[in-house]
Amino acid sequence: MHVQRFSVETLTGHALTYGEAVAIGIALDARYSVSARLLPRSQDERIRRLLGVLGFDLWNDGLAERDRSDRLVVLQGLRDVQEHLEGELTVTFLGGIGRGVDVHDIGPDLVEQASAWLAQRCG
């Protein structure tokens, strides 16, 4: 997720380039979009493969970091942004290749699933 890009950059001490963080965010967005039934199945894999062909490393161990409650630390980034926006959160996910869908409620379980999916394929 684009919000996750900022969290991943922070979690890695800015070891990732901007492009790497964006590519990871795109891969996560694609998987989240499929899990949320916004994007047709297999499109996430198509996007992930394309990003790999372009030379992007799509995993960083910062994505797997957990807090004391065993929640992904990256989820705190979403909560922080939501608080900063006074409770209003809008994240654009994929409704198709080249078509965005604004989502106002992010499911932590779907974020967990997207991260696990990416770890399995790229970690």
PDB file of N, CA and C in Angstrom:
ATOM      1  N   MET A   1       0.820  -1.156   0.000  1.00  0.00           N
ATOM      2  CA  MET A   1       0.000   0.000   0.000  1.00  0.00           C
ATOM      3  C   MET A   1       0.871   1.226   0.000  1.00  0.00           C
ATOM      4  N   HIS A   2       0.359   2.244  -0.587  1.00  0.00           N
ATOM      5  CA  HIS A   2       1.193   3.440  -0.651  1.00  0.00           C
ATOM      6  C   HIS A   2       1.549   3.909   0.749  1.00  0.00           C
ATOM      7  N   VAL A   3       0.649   3.755   1.687  1.00  0.00           N
ATOM      8  CA  VAL A   3       0.964   4.100   3.071  1.00  0.00           C
ATOM      9  C   VAL A   3       2.052   3.171   3.588  1.00  0.00           C
ATOM     10  N   GLN A   4       1.999   1.904   3.190  1.00  0.00           N
ATOM     11  CA  GLN A   4       3.007   0.953   3.632  1.00  0.00           C
ATOM     12  C   GLN A   4       4.379   1.336   3.097  1.00  0.00           C
ATOM     13  N   ARG A   5       4.441   1.988   1.942  1.00  0.00           N
ATOM     14  CA  ARG A   5       5.724   2.394   1.392  1.00  0.00           C
ATOM     15  C   ARG A   5       6.471   3.238   2.405  1.00  0.00           C
ATOM     16  N   PHE A   6       5.768   4.181   3.032  1.00  0.00           N
ATOM     17  CA  PHE A   6       6.407   5.031   4.026  1.00  0.00           C
ATOM     18  C   PHE A   6       6.822   4.211   5.239  1.00  0.00           C
ATOM     19  N   SER A   7       5.987   3.286   5.648  1.00  0.00           N
ATOM     20  CA  SER A   7       6.310   2.448   6.796  1.00  0.00           C
ATOM     21  C   SER A   7       7.505   1.554   6.504  1.00  0.00           C
ATOM     22  N   VAL A   8       7.564   0.972   5.319  1.00  0.00           N
ATOM     23  CA  VAL A   8       8.681   0.110   4.966  1.00  0.00           C
ATOM     24  C   VAL A   8       9.966   0.928   4.915  1.00  0.00           C
ATOM     25  N   GLU A   9       9.898   2.112   4.373  1.00  0.00           N
ATOM     26  CA  GLU A   9      11.089   2.970   4.353  1.00  0.00           C
ATOM     27  C   GLU A   9      11.568   3.240   5.773  1.00  0.00           C
ATOM     28  N   THR A  10      10.663   3.532   6.659  1.00  0.00           N
ATOM     29  CA  THR A  10      11.014   3.808   8.048  1.00  0.00           C
ATOM     30  C   THR A  10      11.546   2.562   8.744  1.00  0.00           C
ATOM     31  N   LEU A  11      10.852   1.434   8.586  1.00  0.00           N
ATOM     32  CA  LEU A  11      11.266   0.193   9.242  1.00  0.00           C
ATOM     33  C   LEU A  11      12.654  -0.266   8.812  1.00  0.00           C
ATOM     34  N   THR A  12      13.050   0.060   7.599  1.00  0.00           N
ATOM     35  CA  THR A  12      14.357  -0.372   7.102  1.00  0.00           C
ATOM     36  C   THR A  12      15.423   0.699   7.294  1.00  0.00           C
ATOM     37  N   GLY A  13      15.098   1.749   8.038  1.00  0.00           N
ATOM     38  CA  GLY A  13      16.069   2.830   8.214  1.00  0.00           C
ATOM     39  C   GLY A  13      16.404   3.487   6.889  1.00  0.00           C
ATOM     40  N   HIS A  14      15.439   3.530   5.994  1.00  0.00           N
ATOM     41  CA  HIS A  14      15.579   4.119   4.660  1.00  0.00           C
ATOM     42  C   HIS A  14      16.635   3.408   3.825  1.00  0.00           C
ATOM     43  N   ALA A  15      16.778   2.106   4.048  1.00  0.00           N
ATOM     44  CA  ALA A  15      17.708   1.297   3.259  1.00  0.00           C
ATOM     45  C   ALA A  15      17.168   1.043   1.850  1.00  0.00           C
ATOM     46  N   LEU A  16      15.859   1.138   1.679  1.00  0.00           N
ATOM     47  CA  LEU A  16      15.247   0.944   0.366  1.00  0.00           C
ATOM     48  C   LEU A  16      15.271   2.249  -0.410  1.00  0.00           C
ATOM     49  N   THR A  17      15.399   2.130  -1.727  1.00  0.00           N
ATOM     50  CA  THR A  17      15.225   3.309  -2.559  1.00  0.00           C
ATOM     51  C   THR A  17      13.727   3.611  -2.648  1.00  0.00           C
ATOM     52  N   TYR A  18      13.412   4.795  -3.079  1.00  0.00           N
ATOM     53  CA  TYR A  18      12.012   5.177  -3.257  1.00  0.00           C
ATOM     54  C   TYR A  18      11.326   4.199  -4.209  1.00  0.00           C
ATOM     55  N   GLY A  19      11.996   3.867  -5.321  1.00  0.00           N
ATOM     56  CA  GLY A  19      11.423   2.956  -6.309  1.00  0.00           C
ATOM     57  C   GLY A  19      11.171   1.575  -5.749  1.00  0.00           C
ATOM     58  N   GLU A  20      12.096   1.071  -4.919  1.00  0.00           N
ATOM     59  CA  GLU A  20      11.912  -0.241  -4.308  1.00  0.00           C
ATOM     60  C   GLU A  20      10.698  -0.249  -3.387  1.00  0.00           C
ATOM     61  N   ALA A  21      10.569   0.796  -2.587  1.00  0.00           N
ATOM     62  CA  ALA A  21       9.434   0.883  -1.667  1.00  0.00           C
ATOM     63  C   ALA A  21       8.121   0.990  -2.440  1.00  0.00           C
ATOM     64  N   VAL A  22       8.125   1.754  -3.519  1.00  0.00           N
ATOM     65  CA  VAL A  22       6.918   1.883  -4.338  1.00  0.00           C
ATOM     66  C   VAL A  22       6.569   0.538  -4.976  1.00  0.00           C
ATOM     67  N   ALA A  23       7.571  -0.182  -5.487  1.00  0.00           N
ATOM     68  CA  ALA A  23       7.320  -1.480  -6.117  1.00  0.00           C
ATOM     69  C   ALA A  23       6.728  -2.470  -5.117  1.00  0.00           C
ATOM     70  N   ILE A  24       7.276  -2.495  -3.907  1.00  0.00           N
ATOM     71  CA  ILE A  24       6.720  -3.368  -2.864  1.00  0.00           C
ATOM     72  C   ILE A  24       5.274  -2.962  -2.576  1.00  0.00           C
ATOM     73  N   GLY A  25       5.029  -1.668  -2.490  1.00  0.00           N
ATOM     74  CA  GLY A  25       3.668  -1.179  -2.254  1.00  0.00           C
ATOM     75  C   GLY A  25       2.709  -1.582  -3.358  1.00  0.00           C
ATOM     76  N   ILE A  26       3.162  -1.518  -4.602  1.00  0.00           N
ATOM     77  CA  ILE A  26       2.313  -1.922  -5.729  1.00  0.00           C
ATOM     78  C   ILE A  26       1.976  -3.404  -5.638  1.00  0.00           C
ATOM     79  N   ALA A  27       2.975  -4.223  -5.332  1.00  0.00           N
ATOM     80  CA  ALA A  27       2.730  -5.669  -5.206  1.00  0.00           C
ATOM     81  C   ALA A  27       1.736  -5.951  -4.076  1.00  0.00           C
ATOM     82  N   LEU A  28       1.919  -5.282  -2.944  1.00  0.00           N
ATOM     83  CA  LEU A  28       0.983  -5.467  -1.822  1.00  0.00           C
ATOM     84  C   LEU A  28      -0.407  -4.955  -2.161  1.00  0.00           C
ATOM     85  N   ASP A  29      -0.471  -3.804  -2.830  1.00  0.00           N
ATOM     86  CA  ASP A  29      -1.766  -3.252  -3.250  1.00  0.00           C
ATOM     87  C   ASP A  29      -2.498  -4.238  -4.156  1.00  0.00           C
ATOM     88  N   ALA A  30      -1.758  -4.829  -5.087  1.00  0.00           N
ATOM     89  CA  ALA A  30      -2.372  -5.767  -6.025  1.00  0.00           C
ATOM     90  C   ALA A  30      -2.944  -6.973  -5.289  1.00  0.00           C
ATOM     91  N   ARG A  31      -2.155  -7.536  -4.369  1.00  0.00           N
ATOM     92  CA  ARG A  31      -2.656  -8.704  -3.630  1.00  0.00           C
ATOM     93  C   ARG A  31      -3.842  -8.330  -2.744  1.00  0.00           C
ATOM     94  N   TYR A  32      -3.750  -7.190  -2.047  1.00  0.00           N
ATOM     95  CA  TYR A  32      -4.858  -6.735  -1.215  1.00  0.00           C
ATOM     96  C   TYR A  32      -6.111  -6.588  -2.085  1.00  0.00           C
ATOM     97  N   SER A  33      -5.945  -6.011  -3.265  1.00  0.00           N
ATOM     98  CA  SER A  33      -7.078  -5.782  -4.165  1.00  0.00           C
ATOM     99  C   SER A  33      -7.744  -7.095  -4.579  1.00  0.00           C
ATOM    100  N   VAL A  34      -6.940  -8.127  -4.837  1.00  0.00           N
ATOM    101  CA  VAL A  34      -7.507  -9.441  -5.170  1.00  0.00           C
ATOM    102  C   VAL A  34      -8.228 -10.017  -3.953  1.00  0.00           C
ATOM    103  N   SER A  35      -7.587  -9.942  -2.785  1.00  0.00           N
ATOM    104  CA  SER A  35      -8.209 -10.488  -1.568  1.00  0.00           C
ATOM    105  C   SER A  35      -9.511  -9.782  -1.222  1.00  0.00           C
ATOM    106  N   ALA A  36      -9.582  -8.480  -1.509  1.00  0.00           N
ATOM    107  CA  ALA A  36     -10.792  -7.700  -1.238  1.00  0.00           C
ATOM    108  C   ALA A  36     -11.817  -7.822  -2.366  1.00  0.00           C
ATOM    109  N   ARG A  37     -11.494  -8.627  -3.371  1.00  0.00           N
ATOM    110  CA  ARG A  37     -12.367  -8.870  -4.524  1.00  0.00           C
ATOM    111  C   ARG A  37     -12.634  -7.622  -5.346  1.00  0.00           C
ATOM    112  N   LEU A  38     -11.614  -6.786  -5.403  1.00  0.00           N
ATOM    113  CA  LEU A  38     -11.680  -5.591  -6.235  1.00  0.00           C
ATOM    114  C   LEU A  38     -11.024  -5.845  -7.592  1.00  0.00           C
ATOM    115  N   LEU A  39     -10.033  -6.721  -7.596  1.00  0.00           N
ATOM    116  CA  LEU A  39      -9.229  -7.024  -8.774  1.00  0.00           C
ATOM    117  C   LEU A  39      -9.397  -8.505  -9.109  1.00  0.00           C
ATOM    118  N   PRO A  40      -9.569  -8.838 -10.384  1.00  0.00           N
ATOM    119  CA  PRO A  40      -9.723 -10.252 -10.751  1.00  0.00           C
ATOM    120  C   PRO A  40      -8.522 -11.102 -10.314  1.00  0.00           C
ATOM    121  N   ARG A  41      -8.826 -12.334  -9.940  1.00  0.00           N
ATOM    122  CA  ARG A  41      -7.783 -13.287  -9.539  1.00  0.00           C
ATOM    123  C   ARG A  41      -6.713 -13.372 -10.616  1.00  0.00           C
ATOM    124  N   SER A  42      -5.519 -13.627 -10.213  1.00  0.00           N
ATOM    125  CA  SER A  42      -4.320 -13.806 -11.042  1.00  0.00           C
ATOM    126  C   SER A  42      -3.700 -12.489 -11.501  1.00  0.00           C
ATOM    127  N   GLN A  43      -4.417 -11.389 -11.394  1.00  0.00           N
ATOM    128  CA  GLN A  43      -3.827 -10.110 -11.797  1.00  0.00           C
ATOM    129  C   GLN A  43      -2.722  -9.690 -10.826  1.00  0.00           C
ATOM    130  N   ASP A  44      -2.853 -10.093  -9.571  1.00  0.00           N
ATOM    131  CA  ASP A  44      -1.802  -9.790  -8.598  1.00  0.00           C
ATOM    132  C   ASP A  44      -0.498 -10.485  -8.980  1.00  0.00           C
ATOM    133  N   GLU A  45      -0.613 -11.714  -9.411  1.00  0.00           N
ATOM    134  CA  GLU A  45       0.563 -12.473  -9.820  1.00  0.00           C
ATOM    135  C   GLU A  45       1.173 -11.871 -11.089  1.00  0.00           C
ATOM    136  N   ARG A  46       0.330 -11.454 -11.981  1.00  0.00           N
ATOM    137  CA  ARG A  46       0.793 -10.805 -13.225  1.00  0.00           C
ATOM    138  C   ARG A  46       1.596  -9.544 -12.897  1.00  0.00           C
ATOM    139  N   ILE A  47       1.093  -8.745 -11.985  1.00  0.00           N
ATOM    140  CA  ILE A  47       1.772  -7.506 -11.582  1.00  0.00           C
ATOM    141  C   ILE A  47       3.076  -7.827 -10.866  1.00  0.00           C
ATOM    142  N   ARG A  48       3.041  -8.807  -9.974  1.00  0.00           N
ATOM    143  CA  ARG A  48       4.247  -9.192  -9.235  1.00  0.00           C
ATOM    144  C   ARG A  48       5.340  -9.663 -10.191  1.00  0.00           C
ATOM    145  N   ARG A  49       4.960 -10.487 -11.151  1.00  0.00           N
ATOM    146  CA  ARG A  49       5.945 -10.976 -12.122  1.00  0.00           C
ATOM    147  C   ARG A  49       6.537  -9.837 -12.934  1.00  0.00           C
ATOM    148  N   LEU A  50       5.712  -8.900 -13.358  1.00  0.00           N
ATOM    149  CA  LEU A  50       6.198  -7.758 -14.133  1.00  0.00           C
ATOM    150  C   LEU A  50       7.199  -6.937 -13.321  1.00  0.00           C
ATOM    151  N   LEU A  51       6.882  -6.683 -12.061  1.00  0.00           N
ATOM    152  CA  LEU A  51       7.803  -5.922 -11.210  1.00  0.00           C
ATOM    153  C   LEU A  51       9.133  -6.678 -11.050  1.00  0.00           C
ATOM    154  N   GLY A  52       9.067  -7.998 -10.962  1.00  0.00           N
ATOM    155  CA  GLY A  52      10.282  -8.806 -10.890  1.00  0.00           C
ATOM    156  C   GLY A  52      11.091  -8.721 -12.171  1.00  0.00           C
ATOM    157  N   VAL A  53      10.422  -8.780 -13.326  1.00  0.00           N
ATOM    158  CA  VAL A  53      11.101  -8.661 -14.620  1.00  0.00           C
ATOM    159  C   VAL A  53      11.784  -7.298 -14.735  1.00  0.00           C
ATOM    160  N   LEU A  54      11.170  -6.293 -14.150  1.00  0.00           N
ATOM    161  CA  LEU A  54      11.759  -4.949 -14.179  1.00  0.00           C
ATOM    162  C   LEU A  54      12.945  -4.817 -13.229  1.00  0.00           C
ATOM    163  N   GLY A  55      13.190  -5.875 -12.436  1.00  0.00           N
ATOM    164  CA  GLY A  55      14.373  -5.900 -11.592  1.00  0.00           C
ATOM    165  C   GLY A  55      14.169  -5.494 -10.149  1.00  0.00           C
ATOM    166  N   PHE A  56      12.925  -5.355  -9.727  1.00  0.00           N
ATOM    167  CA  PHE A  56      12.662  -4.954  -8.343  1.00  0.00           C
ATOM    168  C   PHE A  56      12.691  -6.150  -7.398  1.00  0.00           C
ATOM    169  N   ASP A  57      13.373  -5.985  -6.282  1.00  0.00           N
ATOM    170  CA  ASP A  57      13.326  -6.947  -5.184  1.00  0.00           C
ATOM    171  C   ASP A  57      12.069  -6.594  -4.403  1.00  0.00           C
ATOM    172  N   LEU A  58      11.143  -7.521  -4.286  1.00  0.00           N
ATOM    173  CA  LEU A  58       9.835  -7.208  -3.715  1.00  0.00           C
ATOM    174  C   LEU A  58       9.657  -7.653  -2.274  1.00  0.00           C
ATOM    175  N   TRP A  59      10.745  -7.878  -1.587  1.00  0.00           N
ATOM    176  CA  TRP A  59      10.603  -8.242  -0.180  1.00  0.00           C
ATOM    177  C   TRP A  59      11.666  -7.529   0.639  1.00  0.00           C
ATOM    178  N   ASN A  60      11.264  -7.151   1.835  1.00  0.00           N
ATOM    179  CA  ASN A  60      12.184  -6.628   2.838  1.00  0.00           C
ATOM    180  C   ASN A  60      11.699  -7.165   4.173  1.00  0.00           C
ATOM    181  N   ASP A  61      12.628  -7.608   5.016  1.00  0.00           N
ATOM    182  CA  ASP A  61      12.238  -8.200   6.294  1.00  0.00           C
ATOM    183  C   ASP A  61      11.470  -7.231   7.194  1.00  0.00           C
ATOM    184  N   GLY A  62      11.567  -5.937   6.945  1.00  0.00           N
ATOM    185  CA  GLY A  62      10.788  -4.971   7.710  1.00  0.00           C
ATOM    186  C   GLY A  62       9.294  -5.196   7.583  1.00  0.00           C
ATOM    187  N   LEU A  63       8.866  -5.802   6.475  1.00  0.00           N
ATOM    188  CA  LEU A  63       7.446  -6.097   6.282  1.00  0.00           C
ATOM    189  C   LEU A  63       6.928  -7.134   7.264  1.00  0.00           C
ATOM    190  N   ALA A  64       7.816  -7.960   7.777  1.00  0.00           N
ATOM    191  CA  ALA A  64       7.403  -9.039   8.689  1.00  0.00           C
ATOM    192  C   ALA A  64       7.526  -8.655  10.153  1.00  0.00           C
ATOM    193  N   GLU A  65       8.053  -7.468  10.436  1.00  0.00           N
ATOM    194  CA  GLU A  65       8.245  -7.062  11.827  1.00  0.00           C
ATOM    195  C   GLU A  65       6.903  -6.937  12.551  1.00  0.00           C
ATOM    196  N   ARG A  66       6.877  -7.433  13.801  1.00  0.00           N
ATOM    197  CA  ARG A  66       5.631  -7.441  14.585  1.00  0.00           C
ATOM    198  C   ARG A  66       5.829  -6.710  15.899  1.00  0.00           C
ATOM    199  N   ASP A  67       4.709  -6.180  16.415  1.00  0.00           N
ATOM    200  CA  ASP A  67       4.759  -5.491  17.708  1.00  0.00           C
ATOM    201  C   ASP A  67       4.511  -6.492  18.840  1.00  0.00           C
ATOM    202  N   ARG A  68       4.397  -6.000  20.051  1.00  0.00           N
ATOM    203  CA  ARG A  68       4.206  -6.877  21.215  1.00  0.00           C
ATOM    204  C   ARG A  68       2.884  -7.627  21.177  1.00  0.00           C
ATOM    205  N   SER A  69       1.915  -7.098  20.442  1.00  0.00           N
ATOM    206  CA  SER A  69       0.615  -7.766  20.305  1.00  0.00           C
ATOM    207  C   SER A  69       0.587  -8.724  19.122  1.00  0.00           C
ATOM    208  N   ASP A  70       1.742  -8.946  18.499  1.00  0.00           N
ATOM    209  CA  ASP A  70       1.908  -9.828  17.357  1.00  0.00           C
ATOM    210  C   ASP A  70       1.195  -9.325  16.109  1.00  0.00           C
ATOM    211  N   ARG A  71       1.004  -8.012  16.017  1.00  0.00           N
ATOM    212  CA  ARG A  71       0.446  -7.402  14.807  1.00  0.00           C
ATOM    213  C   ARG A  71       1.596  -6.857  13.974  1.00  0.00           C
ATOM    214  N   LEU A  72       1.406  -6.852  12.678  1.00  0.00           N
ATOM    215  CA  LEU A  72       2.431  -6.286  11.814  1.00  0.00           C
ATOM    216  C   LEU A  72       2.652  -4.817  12.170  1.00  0.00           C
ATOM    217  N   VAL A  73       3.904  -4.444  12.339  1.00  0.00           N
ATOM    218  CA  VAL A  73       4.238  -3.064  12.684  1.00  0.00           C
ATOM    219  C   VAL A  73       3.794  -2.110  11.572  1.00  0.00           C
ATOM    220  N   VAL A  74       3.837  -2.589  10.341  1.00  0.00           N
ATOM    221  CA  VAL A  74       3.436  -1.747   9.218  1.00  0.00           C
ATOM    222  C   VAL A  74       1.989  -1.269   9.353  1.00  0.00           C
ATOM    223  N   LEU A  75       1.155  -2.022  10.062  1.00  0.00           N
ATOM    224  CA  LEU A  75      -0.233  -1.600  10.282  1.00  0.00           C
ATOM    225  C   LEU A  75      -0.305  -0.323  11.109  1.00  0.00           C
ATOM    226  N   GLN A  76       0.691  -0.107  11.960  1.00  0.00           N
ATOM    227  CA  GLN A  76       0.710   1.125  12.744  1.00  0.00           C
ATOM    228  C   GLN A  76       0.827   2.336  11.820  1.00  0.00           C
ATOM    229  N   GLY A  77       1.533   2.172  10.716  1.00  0.00           N
ATOM    230  CA  GLY A  77       1.628   3.257   9.738  1.00  0.00           C
ATOM    231  C   GLY A  77       0.264   3.665   9.217  1.00  0.00           C
ATOM    232  N   LEU A  78      -0.587   2.688   8.954  1.00  0.00           N
ATOM    233  CA  LEU A  78      -1.953   2.986   8.523  1.00  0.00           C
ATOM    234  C   LEU A  78      -2.724   3.715   9.609  1.00  0.00           C
ATOM    235  N   ARG A  79      -2.577   3.244  10.849  1.00  0.00           N
ATOM    236  CA  ARG A  79      -3.291   3.886  11.962  1.00  0.00           C
ATOM    237  C   ARG A  79      -2.784   5.315  12.171  1.00  0.00           C
ATOM    238  N   ASP A  80      -1.474   5.508  12.048  1.00  0.00           N
ATOM    239  CA  ASP A  80      -0.904   6.839  12.226  1.00  0.00           C
ATOM    240  C   ASP A  80      -1.433   7.821  11.182  1.00  0.00           C
ATOM    241  N   VAL A  81      -1.486   7.371   9.929  1.00  0.00           N
ATOM    242  CA  VAL A  81      -2.002   8.228   8.860  1.00  0.00           C
ATOM    243  C   VAL A  81      -3.474   8.531   9.105  1.00  0.00           C
ATOM    244  N   GLN A  82      -4.231   7.527   9.519  1.00  0.00           N
ATOM    245  CA  GLN A  82      -5.653   7.728   9.779  1.00  0.00           C
ATOM    246  C   GLN A  82      -5.854   8.739  10.911  1.00  0.00           C
ATOM    247  N   GLU A  83      -5.062   8.630  11.961  1.00  0.00           N
ATOM    248  CA  GLU A  83      -5.155   9.601  13.060  1.00  0.00           C
ATOM    249  C   GLU A  83      -4.794  11.001  12.580  1.00  0.00           C
ATOM    250  N   HIS A  84      -3.748  11.079  11.780  1.00  0.00           N
ATOM    251  CA  HIS A  84      -3.317  12.377  11.249  1.00  0.00           C
ATOM    252  C   HIS A  84      -4.421  13.027  10.410  1.00  0.00           C
ATOM    253  N   LEU A  85      -5.193  12.190   9.734  1.00  0.00           N
ATOM    254  CA  LEU A  85      -6.284  12.686   8.888  1.00  0.00           C
ATOM    255  C   LEU A  85      -7.607  12.755   9.647  1.00  0.00           C
ATOM    256  N   GLU A  86      -7.525  12.753  10.963  1.00  0.00           N
ATOM    257  CA  GLU A  86      -8.698  12.865  11.835  1.00  0.00           C
ATOM    258  C   GLU A  86      -9.719  11.767  11.555  1.00  0.00           C
ATOM    259  N   GLY A  87      -9.221  10.537  11.377  1.00  0.00           N
ATOM    260  CA  GLY A  87     -10.099   9.390  11.209  1.00  0.00           C
ATOM    261  C   GLY A  87     -10.493   9.084   9.787  1.00  0.00           C
ATOM    262  N   GLU A  88     -10.171   9.960   8.861  1.00  0.00           N
ATOM    263  CA  GLU A  88     -10.547   9.763   7.462  1.00  0.00           C
ATOM    264  C   GLU A  88      -9.368   9.183   6.702  1.00  0.00           C
ATOM    265  N   LEU A  89      -9.544   8.006   6.166  1.00  0.00           N
ATOM    266  CA  LEU A  89      -8.490   7.347   5.416  1.00  0.00           C
ATOM    267  C   LEU A  89      -9.030   6.954   4.057  1.00  0.00           C
ATOM    268  N   THR A  90      -8.304   7.309   3.011  1.00  0.00           N
ATOM    269  CA  THR A  90      -8.644   6.882   1.672  1.00  0.00           C
ATOM    270  C   THR A  90      -7.386   6.327   1.037  1.00  0.00           C
ATOM    271  N   VAL A  91      -7.457   5.075   0.633  1.00  0.00           N
ATOM    272  CA  VAL A  91      -6.346   4.431  -0.051  1.00  0.00           C
ATOM    273  C   VAL A  91      -6.891   3.939  -1.388  1.00  0.00           C
ATOM    274  N   THR A  92      -6.141   4.179  -2.450  1.00  0.00           N
ATOM    275  CA  THR A  92      -6.564   3.732  -3.766  1.00  0.00           C
ATOM    276  C   THR A  92      -5.970   2.361  -4.047  1.00  0.00           C
ATOM    277  N   PHE A  93      -6.860   1.398  -4.259  1.00  0.00           N
ATOM    278  CA  PHE A  93      -6.456   0.049  -4.628  1.00  0.00           C
ATOM    279  C   PHE A  93      -6.803  -0.161  -6.092  1.00  0.00           C
ATOM    280  N   LEU A  94      -6.632  -1.372  -6.580  1.00  0.00           N
ATOM    281  CA  LEU A  94      -6.851  -1.670  -7.992  1.00  0.00           C
ATOM    282  C   LEU A  94      -8.207  -2.318  -8.227  1.00  0.00           C
ATOM    283  N   GLY A  95      -8.959  -1.743  -9.163  1.00  0.00           N
ATOM    284  CA  GLY A  95     -10.209  -2.344  -9.600  1.00  0.00           C
ATOM    285  C   GLY A  95     -10.028  -3.014 -10.950  1.00  0.00           C
ATOM    286  N   GLY A  96      -8.857  -2.903 -11.491  1.00  0.00           N
ATOM    287  CA  GLY A  96      -8.484  -3.470 -12.790  1.00  0.00           C
ATOM    288  C   GLY A  96      -7.159  -2.835 -13.165  1.00  0.00           C
ATOM    289  N   ILE A  97      -6.534  -3.352 -14.187  1.00  0.00           N
ATOM    290  CA  ILE A  97      -5.272  -2.759 -14.626  1.00  0.00           C
ATOM    291  C   ILE A  97      -5.573  -1.345 -15.125  1.00  0.00           C
ATOM    292  N   GLY A  98      -4.967  -0.366 -14.471  1.00  0.00           N
ATOM    293  CA  GLY A  98      -5.169   1.030 -14.838  1.00  0.00           C
ATOM    294  C   GLY A  98      -6.425   1.669 -14.267  1.00  0.00           C
ATOM    295  N   ARG A  99      -7.127   0.962 -13.366  1.00  0.00           N
ATOM    296  CA  ARG A  99      -8.364   1.513 -12.790  1.00  0.00           C
ATOM    297  C   ARG A  99      -8.291   1.446 -11.270  1.00  0.00           C
ATOM    298  N   GLY A 100      -8.359   2.611 -10.645  1.00  0.00           N
ATOM    299  CA  GLY A 100      -8.293   2.694  -9.195  1.00  0.00           C
ATOM    300  C   GLY A 100      -9.661   2.646  -8.536  1.00  0.00           C
ATOM    301  N   VAL A 101      -9.665   2.168  -7.290  1.00  0.00           N
ATOM    302  CA  VAL A 101     -10.871   2.127  -6.464  1.00  0.00           C
ATOM    303  C   VAL A 101     -10.491   2.679  -5.099  1.00  0.00           C
ATOM    304  N   ASP A 102     -11.175   3.736  -4.668  1.00  0.00           N
ATOM    305  CA  ASP A 102     -10.897   4.308  -3.352  1.00  0.00           C
ATOM    306  C   ASP A 102     -11.546   3.473  -2.258  1.00  0.00           C
ATOM    307  N   VAL A 103     -10.751   3.129  -1.245  1.00  0.00           N
ATOM    308  CA  VAL A 103     -11.208   2.336  -0.110  1.00  0.00           C
ATOM    309  C   VAL A 103     -10.978   3.162   1.146  1.00  0.00           C
ATOM    310  N   HIS A 104     -11.970   3.160   2.040  1.00  0.00           N
ATOM    311  CA  HIS A 104     -11.882   3.984   3.247  1.00  0.00           C
ATOM    312  C   HIS A 104     -11.670   3.171   4.518  1.00  0.00           C
ATOM    313  N   ASP A 105     -11.786   1.869   4.416  1.00  0.00           N
ATOM    314  CA  ASP A 105     -11.598   1.001   5.571  1.00  0.00           C
ATOM    315  C   ASP A 105     -10.658  -0.125   5.165  1.00  0.00           C
ATOM    316  N   ILE A 106      -9.489  -0.171   5.780  1.00  0.00           N
ATOM    317  CA  ILE A 106      -8.476  -1.164   5.449  1.00  0.00           C
ATOM    318  C   ILE A 106      -8.574  -2.318   6.433  1.00  0.00           C
ATOM    319  N   GLY A 107      -8.731  -3.521   5.919  1.00  0.00           N
ATOM    320  CA  GLY A 107      -8.839  -4.714   6.757  1.00  0.00           C
ATOM    321  C   GLY A 107      -7.465  -5.219   7.180  1.00  0.00           C
ATOM    322  N   PRO A 108      -7.144  -5.167   8.472  1.00  0.00           N
ATOM    323  CA  PRO A 108      -5.841  -5.654   8.929  1.00  0.00           C
ATOM    324  C   PRO A 108      -5.565  -7.099   8.526  1.00  0.00           C
ATOM    325  N   ASP A 109      -6.604  -7.926   8.507  1.00  0.00           N
ATOM    326  CA  ASP A 109      -6.419  -9.321   8.111  1.00  0.00           C
ATOM    327  C   ASP A 109      -5.986  -9.420   6.656  1.00  0.00           C
ATOM    328  N   LEU A 110      -6.546  -8.558   5.804  1.00  0.00           N
ATOM    329  CA  LEU A 110      -6.164  -8.585   4.396  1.00  0.00           C
ATOM    330  C   LEU A 110      -4.745  -8.056   4.198  1.00  0.00           C
ATOM    331  N   VAL A 111      -4.333  -7.107   5.029  1.00  0.00           N
ATOM    332  CA  VAL A 111      -2.946  -6.628   4.988  1.00  0.00           C
ATOM    333  C   VAL A 111      -2.009  -7.764   5.383  1.00  0.00           C
ATOM    334  N   GLU A 112      -2.378  -8.487   6.436  1.00  0.00           N
ATOM    335  CA  GLU A 112      -1.587  -9.644   6.878  1.00  0.00           C
ATOM    336  C   GLU A 112      -1.482 -10.676   5.759  1.00  0.00           C
ATOM    337  N   GLN A 113      -2.601 -10.958   5.111  1.00  0.00           N
ATOM    338  CA  GLN A 113      -2.609 -11.938   4.034  1.00  0.00           C
ATOM    339  C   GLN A 113      -1.746 -11.482   2.860  1.00  0.00           C
ATOM    340  N   ALA A 114      -1.831 -10.201   2.523  1.00  0.00           N
ATOM    341  CA  ALA A 114      -1.024  -9.675   1.413  1.00  0.00           C
ATOM    342  C   ALA A 114       0.460  -9.790   1.732  1.00  0.00           C
ATOM    343  N   SER A 115       0.826  -9.468   2.955  1.00  0.00           N
ATOM    344  CA  SER A 115       2.229  -9.555   3.363  1.00  0.00           C
ATOM    345  C   SER A 115       2.716 -11.007   3.335  1.00  0.00           C
ATOM    346  N   ALA A 116       1.900 -11.936   3.827  1.00  0.00           N
ATOM    347  CA  ALA A 116       2.260 -13.358   3.823  1.00  0.00           C
ATOM    348  C   ALA A 116       2.398 -13.871   2.392  1.00  0.00           C
ATOM    349  N   TRP A 117       1.520 -13.449   1.516  1.00  0.00           N
ATOM    350  CA  TRP A 117       1.572 -13.849   0.113  1.00  0.00           C
ATOM    351  C   TRP A 117       2.882 -13.394  -0.526  1.00  0.00           C
ATOM    352  N   LEU A 118       3.238 -12.134  -0.274  1.00  0.00           N
ATOM    353  CA  LEU A 118       4.464 -11.595  -0.864  1.00  0.00           C
ATOM    354  C   LEU A 118       5.698 -12.271  -0.254  1.00  0.00           C
ATOM    355  N   ALA A 119       5.673 -12.536   1.048  1.00  0.00           N
ATOM    356  CA  ALA A 119       6.795 -13.222   1.692  1.00  0.00           C
ATOM    357  C   ALA A 119       6.995 -14.614   1.097  1.00  0.00           C
ATOM    358  N   GLN A 120       5.895 -15.304   0.833  1.00  0.00           N
ATOM    359  CA  GLN A 120       5.974 -16.667   0.286  1.00  0.00           C
ATOM    360  C   GLN A 120       6.598 -16.654  -1.101  1.00  0.00           C
ATOM    361  N   ARG A 121       6.307 -15.638  -1.886  1.00  0.00           N
ATOM    362  CA  ARG A 121       6.793 -15.599  -3.253  1.00  0.00           C
ATOM    363  C   ARG A 121       8.149 -14.922  -3.403  1.00  0.00           C
ATOM    364  N   CYS A 122       8.444 -13.984  -2.525  1.00  0.00           N
ATOM    365  CA  CYS A 122       9.644 -13.151  -2.721  1.00  0.00           C
ATOM    366  C   CYS A 122      10.581 -13.105  -1.527  1.00  0.00           C
ATOM    367  N   GLY A 123      10.148 -13.613  -0.376  1.00  0.00           N
ATOM    368  CA  GLY A 123      10.936 -13.486   0.852  1.00  0.00           C
ATOM    369  C   GLY A 123      12.063 -14.455   0.983  1.00  0.00           C
TER     370      GLY A 123
END
